[in-house]
Amino acid sequence: MAKIKGTIVVDRERCKGCGVCVASCPCGVLALSVEVNSKGYPVARMEHPDACTGCASCAVICPDSVITVYRQKFE
């Protein structure tokens, strides 16, 4: 059976650091960074990228639609 690995891309300048994506991630992949964007908001980032399954819960729940999820199958 193929294993699916996910990754996300966050639009850093549009992210307002609300943390809703962090709370909604069932695998505990996301965290808010200590670095801030040009508006002074902490940005969502992948803290545990190997745990990402590409479920897209973070992208669906994001109020500003700044997260894009990519999924890749490995045989």
Foldseek 3Di string as FASTA:
>chain_A
DKAKAKDKDFPQQQDQQPCPLCVQDPQNQKDFDPDHDPVRHTHIHGPPRRSHRQPCSSQVPDPRNGMDMDMDIDD
